[in-house]
Amino acid sequence: MLFLYTLASWFGGWTAFAQARSLQSPDAGDASSNFVTAAVDKAESAVVQVNISKTLGGDLPSAFKPFLGGPSGSASPGRVLRGLGSGFVINSDGLILTNAHVVDAADTVTVSFQDGRVLAGKVLGKDPVTDVAVIRVQAQNLPTITIGDSDNLRQGSGRSRSVTHLGCKKQ
């Protein structure tokens, strides 16, 4: 239910939430009529986890001092900050779409796939204004997700649901 509320908040608030609930069958156990389950089934194998690391050094911004540098505010040389985000495969030869803020200033990028593979990634480009980045991994025959045409979307339609962070494995 929380997932449906999140989807609804992205696409039109409570009206969309009510529409999403009406798409469920009276028998909540019947996954075949649930649009969320159908979307997960279709997209899950193309969703990836993007792992980043950045080596810290020198003085830290004051907001981070209590958390990373102790009272002195100096990071130990070689201290590594790690983060993660999600993305999805848009080309079977290894192009991955993610958010620019996920890979911004990363020293290394790896991508974790549903089948357990972890591959090195290279940031090909990023646009901080639209918060979009493209990563390439060396792989072939990857499962992909199809990017829709936003000109064909209408608020509240079943096609306007977004699927993110599904199936990402915790490290």
N, C-alpha and C. Protein backbone atom coordinates (compact mmCIF):
# COMPACT_ATOMS: atom_id res chain seq x y z
N MET A 1 0.82 -1.18 0.00
CA MET A 1 0.00 0.00 0.00
C MET A 1 0.88 1.26 0.00
N LEU A 2 1.97 1.24 0.74
CA LEU A 2 2.88 2.38 0.76
C LEU A 2 3.42 2.65 -0.63
N PHE A 3 3.74 1.58 -1.37
CA PHE A 3 4.26 1.73 -2.72
C PHE A 3 3.22 2.41 -3.61
N LEU A 4 1.96 2.01 -3.47
CA LEU A 4 0.90 2.64 -4.27
C LEU A 4 0.76 4.11 -3.90
N TYR A 5 0.87 4.44 -2.61
CA TYR A 5 0.78 5.83 -2.20
C TYR A 5 1.93 6.63 -2.82
N THR A 6 3.14 6.06 -2.84
CA THR A 6 4.28 6.74 -3.43
C THR A 6 4.04 6.99 -4.91
N LEU A 7 3.57 5.97 -5.62
CA LEU A 7 3.25 6.15 -7.03
C LEU A 7 2.22 7.25 -7.23
N ALA A 8 1.21 7.24 -6.38
CA ALA A 8 0.15 8.22 -6.49
C ALA A 8 0.67 9.63 -6.25
N SER A 9 1.55 9.80 -5.28
CA SER A 9 2.07 11.13 -5.00
C SER A 9 2.90 11.66 -6.15
N TRP A 10 3.56 10.77 -6.89
CA TRP A 10 4.33 11.19 -8.05
C TRP A 10 3.41 11.64 -9.18
N PHE A 11 2.26 11.02 -9.31
CA PHE A 11 1.41 11.27 -10.47
C PHE A 11 0.00 11.66 -10.08
N GLY A 12 -0.14 12.76 -9.37
CA GLY A 12 -1.45 13.34 -9.22
C GLY A 12 -2.12 13.21 -7.88
N GLY A 13 -1.43 12.82 -6.85
CA GLY A 13 -2.00 12.82 -5.51
C GLY A 13 -3.06 11.77 -5.29
N TRP A 14 -4.03 12.13 -4.44
CA TRP A 14 -5.02 11.15 -3.97
C TRP A 14 -5.91 10.64 -5.09
N THR A 15 -6.17 11.43 -6.11
CA THR A 15 -7.01 10.96 -7.22
C THR A 15 -6.36 9.75 -7.87
N ALA A 16 -5.06 9.87 -8.15
CA ALA A 16 -4.35 8.75 -8.76
C ALA A 16 -4.30 7.57 -7.80
N PHE A 17 -4.17 7.87 -6.49
CA PHE A 17 -4.14 6.80 -5.51
C PHE A 17 -5.45 6.01 -5.54
N ALA A 18 -6.56 6.72 -5.62
CA ALA A 18 -7.86 6.05 -5.69
C ALA A 18 -7.98 5.24 -6.97
N GLN A 19 -7.49 5.79 -8.08
CA GLN A 19 -7.53 5.04 -9.33
C GLN A 19 -6.66 3.80 -9.26
N ALA A 20 -5.48 3.93 -8.65
CA ALA A 20 -4.59 2.79 -8.52
C ALA A 20 -5.24 1.69 -7.69
N ARG A 21 -5.92 2.09 -6.60
CA ARG A 21 -6.59 1.10 -5.76
C ARG A 21 -7.71 0.41 -6.54
N SER A 22 -8.40 1.15 -7.40
CA SER A 22 -9.50 0.55 -8.15
C SER A 22 -9.00 -0.45 -9.18
N LEU A 23 -7.71 -0.36 -9.55
CA LEU A 23 -7.16 -1.31 -10.51
C LEU A 23 -6.89 -2.67 -9.88
N GLN A 24 -6.84 -2.70 -8.55
CA GLN A 24 -6.63 -3.97 -7.86
C GLN A 24 -7.93 -4.75 -7.84
N SER A 25 -7.78 -6.04 -7.93
CA SER A 25 -8.98 -6.87 -7.84
C SER A 25 -9.40 -6.96 -6.38
N PRO A 26 -10.64 -7.35 -6.12
CA PRO A 26 -11.06 -7.52 -4.73
C PRO A 26 -10.19 -8.53 -4.00
N ASP A 27 -9.67 -9.50 -4.73
CA ASP A 27 -8.77 -10.48 -4.14
C ASP A 27 -7.34 -9.98 -4.32
N ALA A 28 -6.79 -9.36 -3.26
CA ALA A 28 -5.45 -8.78 -3.35
C ALA A 28 -4.39 -9.82 -3.66
N GLY A 29 -4.68 -11.07 -3.47
CA GLY A 29 -3.72 -12.12 -3.77
C GLY A 29 -3.63 -12.45 -5.24
N ASP A 30 -4.53 -11.91 -6.06
CA ASP A 30 -4.53 -12.19 -7.49
C ASP A 30 -3.57 -11.23 -8.18
N ALA A 31 -2.31 -11.64 -8.34
CA ALA A 31 -1.28 -10.78 -8.89
C ALA A 31 -1.49 -10.48 -10.37
N SER A 32 -2.24 -11.28 -11.07
CA SER A 32 -2.39 -11.08 -12.50
C SER A 32 -3.14 -9.81 -12.84
N SER A 33 -3.95 -9.27 -11.94
CA SER A 33 -4.71 -8.06 -12.25
C SER A 33 -4.13 -6.83 -11.56
N ASN A 34 -3.00 -6.93 -10.94
CA ASN A 34 -2.39 -5.82 -10.23
C ASN A 34 -1.37 -5.15 -11.16
N PHE A 35 -1.56 -3.86 -11.48
CA PHE A 35 -0.66 -3.19 -12.42
C PHE A 35 0.76 -3.07 -11.87
N VAL A 36 0.91 -2.98 -10.56
CA VAL A 36 2.25 -2.89 -9.98
C VAL A 36 3.00 -4.20 -10.18
N THR A 37 2.34 -5.31 -9.93
CA THR A 37 2.96 -6.62 -10.13
C THR A 37 3.33 -6.81 -11.59
N ALA A 38 2.44 -6.41 -12.47
CA ALA A 38 2.72 -6.54 -13.90
C ALA A 38 3.93 -5.69 -14.30
N ALA A 39 4.03 -4.48 -13.76
CA ALA A 39 5.17 -3.61 -14.07
C ALA A 39 6.47 -4.21 -13.53
N VAL A 40 6.42 -4.75 -12.32
CA VAL A 40 7.61 -5.38 -11.74
C VAL A 40 8.04 -6.57 -12.57
N ASP A 41 7.10 -7.41 -12.94
CA ASP A 41 7.43 -8.58 -13.75
C ASP A 41 8.11 -8.18 -15.05
N LYS A 42 7.64 -7.10 -15.65
CA LYS A 42 8.18 -6.67 -16.93
C LYS A 42 9.54 -5.99 -16.80
N ALA A 43 9.75 -5.22 -15.73
CA ALA A 43 10.94 -4.38 -15.63
C ALA A 43 12.02 -4.87 -14.68
N GLU A 44 11.70 -5.76 -13.78
CA GLU A 44 12.62 -6.10 -12.69
C GLU A 44 14.01 -6.52 -13.16
N SER A 45 14.11 -7.31 -14.18
CA SER A 45 15.43 -7.81 -14.60
C SER A 45 16.31 -6.71 -15.17
N ALA A 46 15.73 -5.58 -15.58
CA ALA A 46 16.51 -4.48 -16.14
C ALA A 46 16.89 -3.43 -15.10
N VAL A 47 16.37 -3.54 -13.88
CA VAL A 47 16.69 -2.59 -12.82
C VAL A 47 18.00 -3.01 -12.17
N VAL A 48 18.88 -2.04 -11.97
CA VAL A 48 20.21 -2.32 -11.41
C VAL A 48 20.47 -1.43 -10.21
N GLN A 49 21.46 -1.82 -9.44
CA GLN A 49 21.95 -1.00 -8.33
C GLN A 49 23.26 -0.39 -8.77
N VAL A 50 23.39 0.93 -8.63
CA VAL A 50 24.60 1.65 -8.99
C VAL A 50 25.36 1.94 -7.71
N ASN A 51 26.58 1.43 -7.62
CA ASN A 51 27.41 1.59 -6.43
C ASN A 51 28.54 2.57 -6.75
N ILE A 52 28.77 3.52 -5.88
CA ILE A 52 29.84 4.49 -6.13
C ILE A 52 30.76 4.57 -4.92
N SER A 53 31.97 5.01 -5.17
CA SER A 53 32.88 5.31 -4.07
C SER A 53 33.69 6.55 -4.44
N LYS A 54 34.07 7.29 -3.40
CA LYS A 54 34.88 8.49 -3.57
C LYS A 54 35.86 8.55 -2.41
N THR A 55 37.11 8.75 -2.73
CA THR A 55 38.14 8.88 -1.71
C THR A 55 38.14 10.30 -1.18
N LEU A 56 38.04 10.42 0.14
CA LEU A 56 38.02 11.72 0.78
C LEU A 56 39.42 12.11 1.21
N GLY A 57 39.64 13.37 1.30
CA GLY A 57 40.93 13.87 1.79
C GLY A 57 40.80 15.33 2.11
N GLY A 58 41.67 15.83 2.95
CA GLY A 58 41.65 17.24 3.29
C GLY A 58 40.53 17.58 4.25
N ASP A 59 40.21 18.88 4.29
CA ASP A 59 39.16 19.36 5.20
C ASP A 59 37.78 18.99 4.68
N LEU A 60 36.93 18.64 5.60
CA LEU A 60 35.55 18.32 5.27
C LEU A 60 34.67 19.54 5.43
N PRO A 61 33.58 19.62 4.67
CA PRO A 61 32.60 20.68 4.93
C PRO A 61 32.10 20.56 6.37
N SER A 62 31.78 21.67 7.00
CA SER A 62 31.43 21.67 8.41
C SER A 62 30.23 20.77 8.72
N ALA A 63 29.30 20.62 7.79
CA ALA A 63 28.13 19.77 8.04
C ALA A 63 28.52 18.31 8.22
N PHE A 64 29.63 17.87 7.61
CA PHE A 64 30.04 16.47 7.69
C PHE A 64 30.99 16.17 8.85
N LYS A 65 31.55 17.20 9.47
CA LYS A 65 32.56 17.00 10.52
C LYS A 65 32.13 16.05 11.63
N PRO A 66 30.92 16.21 12.18
CA PRO A 66 30.54 15.29 13.27
C PRO A 66 30.42 13.83 12.82
N PHE A 67 30.17 13.62 11.54
CA PHE A 67 29.90 12.27 11.06
C PHE A 67 31.13 11.57 10.49
N LEU A 68 32.01 12.32 9.83
CA LEU A 68 33.10 11.67 9.10
C LEU A 68 34.49 12.03 9.61
N GLY A 69 34.66 13.23 10.13
CA GLY A 69 36.01 13.65 10.45
C GLY A 69 36.31 13.83 11.91
N GLY A 70 35.33 13.58 12.74
CA GLY A 70 35.56 13.80 14.15
C GLY A 70 35.61 15.28 14.46
N PRO A 71 35.99 15.63 15.68
CA PRO A 71 35.97 17.03 16.09
C PRO A 71 36.92 17.91 15.29
N SER A 72 38.03 17.36 14.83
CA SER A 72 39.01 18.17 14.11
C SER A 72 38.53 18.51 12.70
N GLY A 73 37.65 17.69 12.15
CA GLY A 73 37.12 17.96 10.83
C GLY A 73 38.02 17.54 9.69
N SER A 74 39.12 16.87 9.97
CA SER A 74 39.99 16.40 8.91
C SER A 74 39.74 14.92 8.67
N ALA A 75 39.51 14.59 7.42
CA ALA A 75 39.32 13.18 7.06
C ALA A 75 40.66 12.49 7.04
N SER A 76 40.68 11.26 7.46
CA SER A 76 41.90 10.48 7.36
C SER A 76 42.23 10.29 5.89
N PRO A 77 43.50 10.43 5.51
CA PRO A 77 43.86 10.21 4.12
C PRO A 77 43.42 8.81 3.69
N GLY A 78 42.79 8.74 2.55
CA GLY A 78 42.37 7.45 2.03
C GLY A 78 41.01 6.99 2.51
N ARG A 79 40.32 7.76 3.33
CA ARG A 79 38.98 7.39 3.78
C ARG A 79 38.05 7.37 2.57
N VAL A 80 37.23 6.32 2.47
CA VAL A 80 36.38 6.15 1.29
C VAL A 80 34.92 6.32 1.68
N LEU A 81 34.25 7.18 0.94
CA LEU A 81 32.82 7.39 1.09
C LEU A 81 32.12 6.54 0.04
N ARG A 82 31.14 5.74 0.46
CA ARG A 82 30.42 4.87 -0.47
C ARG A 82 28.95 5.28 -0.52
N GLY A 83 28.35 5.08 -1.68
CA GLY A 83 26.94 5.38 -1.84
C GLY A 83 26.33 4.46 -2.88
N LEU A 84 25.03 4.53 -2.99
CA LEU A 84 24.38 3.72 -4.01
C LEU A 84 23.09 4.38 -4.47
N GLY A 85 22.66 3.95 -5.63
CA GLY A 85 21.42 4.43 -6.22
C GLY A 85 20.90 3.33 -7.11
N SER A 86 19.93 3.68 -7.92
CA SER A 86 19.37 2.70 -8.84
C SER A 86 19.48 3.22 -10.26
N GLY A 87 19.25 2.35 -11.18
CA GLY A 87 19.25 2.71 -12.58
C GLY A 87 18.57 1.59 -13.35
N PHE A 88 18.54 1.73 -14.66
CA PHE A 88 17.98 0.66 -15.47
C PHE A 88 18.69 0.58 -16.80
N VAL A 89 18.74 -0.61 -17.33
CA VAL A 89 19.42 -0.89 -18.59
C VAL A 89 18.53 -0.43 -19.73
N ILE A 90 19.08 0.42 -20.60
CA ILE A 90 18.30 0.92 -21.73
C ILE A 90 18.81 0.39 -23.07
N ASN A 91 19.92 -0.35 -23.03
CA ASN A 91 20.50 -0.91 -24.25
C ASN A 91 21.14 -2.24 -23.86
N SER A 92 20.88 -3.28 -24.63
CA SER A 92 21.37 -4.62 -24.26
C SER A 92 22.88 -4.73 -24.28
N ASP A 93 23.57 -3.74 -24.86
CA ASP A 93 25.04 -3.75 -24.88
C ASP A 93 25.65 -2.95 -23.75
N GLY A 94 24.87 -2.59 -22.72
CA GLY A 94 25.46 -2.04 -21.51
C GLY A 94 25.24 -0.59 -21.19
N LEU A 95 24.29 0.09 -21.83
CA LEU A 95 23.99 1.47 -21.45
C LEU A 95 22.97 1.48 -20.33
N ILE A 96 23.27 2.25 -19.29
CA ILE A 96 22.43 2.31 -18.10
C ILE A 96 22.09 3.76 -17.81
N LEU A 97 20.82 4.01 -17.55
CA LEU A 97 20.34 5.34 -17.20
C LEU A 97 20.18 5.40 -15.69
N THR A 98 20.72 6.46 -15.08
CA THR A 98 20.62 6.68 -13.64
C THR A 98 20.50 8.17 -13.38
N ASN A 99 20.56 8.56 -12.12
CA ASN A 99 20.51 9.98 -11.77
C ASN A 99 21.92 10.55 -11.71
N ALA A 100 22.07 11.79 -12.16
CA ALA A 100 23.37 12.45 -12.14
C ALA A 100 23.89 12.61 -10.72
N HIS A 101 23.00 12.88 -9.76
CA HIS A 101 23.49 13.07 -8.39
C HIS A 101 24.05 11.78 -7.80
N VAL A 102 23.67 10.64 -8.34
CA VAL A 102 24.19 9.36 -7.83
C VAL A 102 25.67 9.22 -8.18
N VAL A 103 26.05 9.59 -9.40
CA VAL A 103 27.42 9.38 -9.86
C VAL A 103 28.27 10.63 -9.79
N ASP A 104 27.71 11.75 -9.35
CA ASP A 104 28.44 13.00 -9.30
C ASP A 104 29.67 12.87 -8.41
N ALA A 105 30.83 13.20 -8.94
CA ALA A 105 32.11 13.20 -8.22
C ALA A 105 32.56 11.82 -7.76
N ALA A 106 32.00 10.76 -8.32
CA ALA A 106 32.42 9.41 -7.94
C ALA A 106 33.77 9.08 -8.55
N ASP A 107 34.63 8.43 -7.75
CA ASP A 107 35.91 7.95 -8.27
C ASP A 107 35.72 6.64 -9.01
N THR A 108 34.87 5.77 -8.45
CA THR A 108 34.60 4.48 -9.09
C THR A 108 33.10 4.24 -9.10
N VAL A 109 32.67 3.53 -10.15
CA VAL A 109 31.26 3.16 -10.30
C VAL A 109 31.21 1.68 -10.64
N THR A 110 30.41 0.92 -9.91
CA THR A 110 30.12 -0.46 -10.28
C THR A 110 28.61 -0.62 -10.35
N VAL A 111 28.17 -1.61 -11.10
CA VAL A 111 26.75 -1.85 -11.28
C VAL A 111 26.44 -3.29 -10.89
N SER A 112 25.47 -3.46 -9.99
CA SER A 112 25.04 -4.79 -9.53
C SER A 112 23.76 -5.18 -10.26
N PHE A 113 23.79 -6.39 -10.83
CA PHE A 113 22.65 -6.89 -11.60
C PHE A 113 21.86 -7.91 -10.79
N GLN A 114 20.64 -8.16 -11.21
CA GLN A 114 19.74 -9.10 -10.54
C GLN A 114 20.34 -10.50 -10.44
N ASP A 115 21.16 -10.90 -11.42
CA ASP A 115 21.72 -12.25 -11.42
C ASP A 115 22.97 -12.36 -10.55
N GLY A 116 23.34 -11.29 -9.84
CA GLY A 116 24.48 -11.32 -8.94
C GLY A 116 25.76 -10.75 -9.52
N ARG A 117 25.80 -10.50 -10.82
CA ARG A 117 27.01 -9.93 -11.41
C ARG A 117 27.21 -8.50 -10.92
N VAL A 118 28.47 -8.15 -10.74
CA VAL A 118 28.85 -6.77 -10.42
C VAL A 118 29.91 -6.38 -11.45
N LEU A 119 29.59 -5.38 -12.26
CA LEU A 119 30.49 -4.96 -13.34
C LEU A 119 30.96 -3.53 -13.14
N ALA A 120 32.19 -3.26 -13.56
CA ALA A 120 32.71 -1.90 -13.51
C ALA A 120 31.94 -1.05 -14.50
N GLY A 121 31.67 0.18 -14.10
CA GLY A 121 30.95 1.10 -14.96
C GLY A 121 31.75 2.35 -15.22
N LYS A 122 31.46 2.97 -16.36
CA LYS A 122 32.10 4.23 -16.71
C LYS A 122 30.99 5.24 -17.01
N VAL A 123 31.09 6.41 -16.38
CA VAL A 123 30.11 7.47 -16.61
C VAL A 123 30.43 8.09 -17.97
N LEU A 124 29.48 7.97 -18.90
CA LEU A 124 29.67 8.54 -20.23
C LEU A 124 29.27 10.01 -20.28
N GLY A 125 28.32 10.38 -19.47
CA GLY A 125 27.86 11.76 -19.44
C GLY A 125 26.83 11.95 -18.36
N LYS A 126 26.65 13.21 -17.97
CA LYS A 126 25.65 13.52 -16.96
C LYS A 126 25.18 14.95 -17.16
N ASP A 127 23.93 15.19 -16.79
CA ASP A 127 23.34 16.52 -16.88
C ASP A 127 22.75 16.86 -15.52
N PRO A 128 23.40 17.72 -14.75
CA PRO A 128 22.89 18.04 -13.41
C PRO A 128 21.56 18.79 -13.43
N VAL A 129 21.25 19.48 -14.52
CA VAL A 129 19.99 20.22 -14.59
C VAL A 129 18.80 19.27 -14.62
N THR A 130 18.88 18.23 -15.44
CA THR A 130 17.79 17.25 -15.52
C THR A 130 18.04 16.05 -14.61
N ASP A 131 19.20 16.01 -13.94
CA ASP A 131 19.58 14.94 -13.02
C ASP A 131 19.57 13.57 -13.70
N VAL A 132 20.14 13.51 -14.89
CA VAL A 132 20.22 12.27 -15.65
C VAL A 132 21.68 11.98 -15.96
N ALA A 133 22.07 10.71 -15.88
CA ALA A 133 23.42 10.29 -16.25
C ALA A 133 23.34 8.96 -16.99
N VAL A 134 24.35 8.73 -17.82
CA VAL A 134 24.45 7.47 -18.56
C VAL A 134 25.76 6.80 -18.19
N ILE A 135 25.66 5.52 -17.86
CA ILE A 135 26.81 4.69 -17.50
C ILE A 135 26.93 3.58 -18.55
N ARG A 136 28.15 3.16 -18.84
CA ARG A 136 28.36 2.00 -19.71
C ARG A 136 29.08 0.92 -18.92
N VAL A 137 28.59 -0.31 -19.07
CA VAL A 137 29.29 -1.49 -18.56
C VAL A 137 29.62 -2.38 -19.75
N GLN A 138 30.65 -3.19 -19.61
CA GLN A 138 31.03 -4.11 -20.68
C GLN A 138 30.23 -5.39 -20.52
N ALA A 139 29.17 -5.50 -21.28
CA ALA A 139 28.31 -6.69 -21.23
C ALA A 139 27.47 -6.71 -22.50
N GLN A 140 26.91 -7.88 -22.77
CA GLN A 140 26.03 -8.03 -23.93
C GLN A 140 24.80 -8.81 -23.52
N ASN A 141 23.76 -8.66 -24.32
CA ASN A 141 22.50 -9.38 -24.12
C ASN A 141 21.88 -9.12 -22.74
N LEU A 142 21.98 -7.89 -22.29
CA LEU A 142 21.37 -7.53 -21.01
C LEU A 142 19.87 -7.30 -21.19
N PRO A 143 19.08 -7.63 -20.18
CA PRO A 143 17.65 -7.31 -20.25
C PRO A 143 17.47 -5.80 -20.22
N THR A 144 16.54 -5.28 -20.98
CA THR A 144 16.35 -3.83 -21.07
C THR A 144 14.93 -3.43 -20.68
N ILE A 145 14.80 -2.16 -20.42
CA ILE A 145 13.49 -1.56 -20.18
C ILE A 145 13.26 -0.59 -21.33
N THR A 146 12.04 -0.48 -21.78
CA THR A 146 11.72 0.42 -22.88
C THR A 146 11.35 1.78 -22.31
N ILE A 147 11.96 2.80 -22.87
CA ILE A 147 11.64 4.16 -22.45
C ILE A 147 10.43 4.61 -23.25
N GLY A 148 9.42 5.10 -22.55
CA GLY A 148 8.20 5.54 -23.21
C GLY A 148 8.31 6.94 -23.78
N ASP A 149 7.29 7.33 -24.50
CA ASP A 149 7.20 8.66 -25.08
C ASP A 149 6.30 9.51 -24.17
N SER A 150 6.88 10.51 -23.52
CA SER A 150 6.12 11.31 -22.56
C SER A 150 4.97 12.07 -23.23
N ASP A 151 5.04 12.28 -24.53
CA ASP A 151 3.94 12.95 -25.22
C ASP A 151 2.68 12.09 -25.24
N ASN A 152 2.83 10.78 -25.02
CA ASN A 152 1.68 9.88 -25.04
C ASN A 152 1.12 9.58 -23.65
N LEU A 153 1.67 10.21 -22.61
CA LEU A 153 1.19 9.96 -21.25
C LEU A 153 0.09 10.94 -20.86
N ARG A 154 -0.84 10.43 -20.06
CA ARG A 154 -1.87 11.28 -19.47
C ARG A 154 -1.87 11.02 -17.98
N GLN A 155 -2.01 12.09 -17.22
CA GLN A 155 -2.04 11.95 -15.76
C GLN A 155 -3.17 11.00 -15.37
N GLY A 156 -2.84 10.05 -14.51
CA GLY A 156 -3.83 9.10 -14.01
C GLY A 156 -3.97 7.85 -14.83
N SER A 157 -3.36 7.80 -16.02
CA SER A 157 -3.48 6.59 -16.83
C SER A 157 -2.59 5.50 -16.25
N GLY A 158 -2.93 4.26 -16.49
CA GLY A 158 -2.15 3.14 -15.99
C GLY A 158 -0.74 3.13 -16.54
N ARG A 159 -0.53 3.80 -17.68
CA ARG A 159 0.81 3.82 -18.28
C ARG A 159 1.71 4.85 -17.63
N SER A 160 1.20 5.70 -16.77
CA SER A 160 2.02 6.77 -16.21
C SER A 160 2.66 6.38 -14.88
N ARG A 161 2.68 5.13 -14.56
CA ARG A 161 3.30 4.68 -13.32
C ARG A 161 4.80 4.51 -13.53
N SER A 162 5.55 4.83 -12.51
CA SER A 162 7.00 4.74 -12.57
C SER A 162 7.46 3.57 -11.71
N VAL A 163 8.49 2.88 -12.17
CA VAL A 163 9.03 1.77 -11.41
C VAL A 163 10.49 2.06 -11.15
N THR A 164 10.83 2.28 -9.87
CA THR A 164 12.22 2.53 -9.50
C THR A 164 12.54 1.77 -8.23
N HIS A 165 13.79 1.48 -8.06
CA HIS A 165 14.31 0.82 -6.87
C HIS A 165 13.69 -0.55 -6.64
N LEU A 166 13.21 -1.21 -7.67
CA LEU A 166 12.60 -2.51 -7.48
C LEU A 166 13.65 -3.59 -7.64
N GLY A 167 13.71 -4.47 -6.69
CA GLY A 167 14.59 -5.62 -6.81
C GLY A 167 16.05 -5.34 -6.57
N CYS A 168 16.40 -4.16 -6.14
CA CYS A 168 17.81 -3.86 -5.87
C CYS A 168 18.25 -4.62 -4.63
N LYS A 169 19.38 -5.22 -4.72
CA LYS A 169 19.88 -6.02 -3.62
C LYS A 169 20.69 -5.17 -2.66
N LYS A 170 20.52 -5.41 -1.39
CA LYS A 170 21.31 -4.69 -0.39
C LYS A 170 22.68 -5.31 -0.33
N GLN A 171 23.65 -4.47 -0.07
CA GLN A 171 25.01 -4.98 0.09
C GLN A 171 25.40 -5.03 1.52
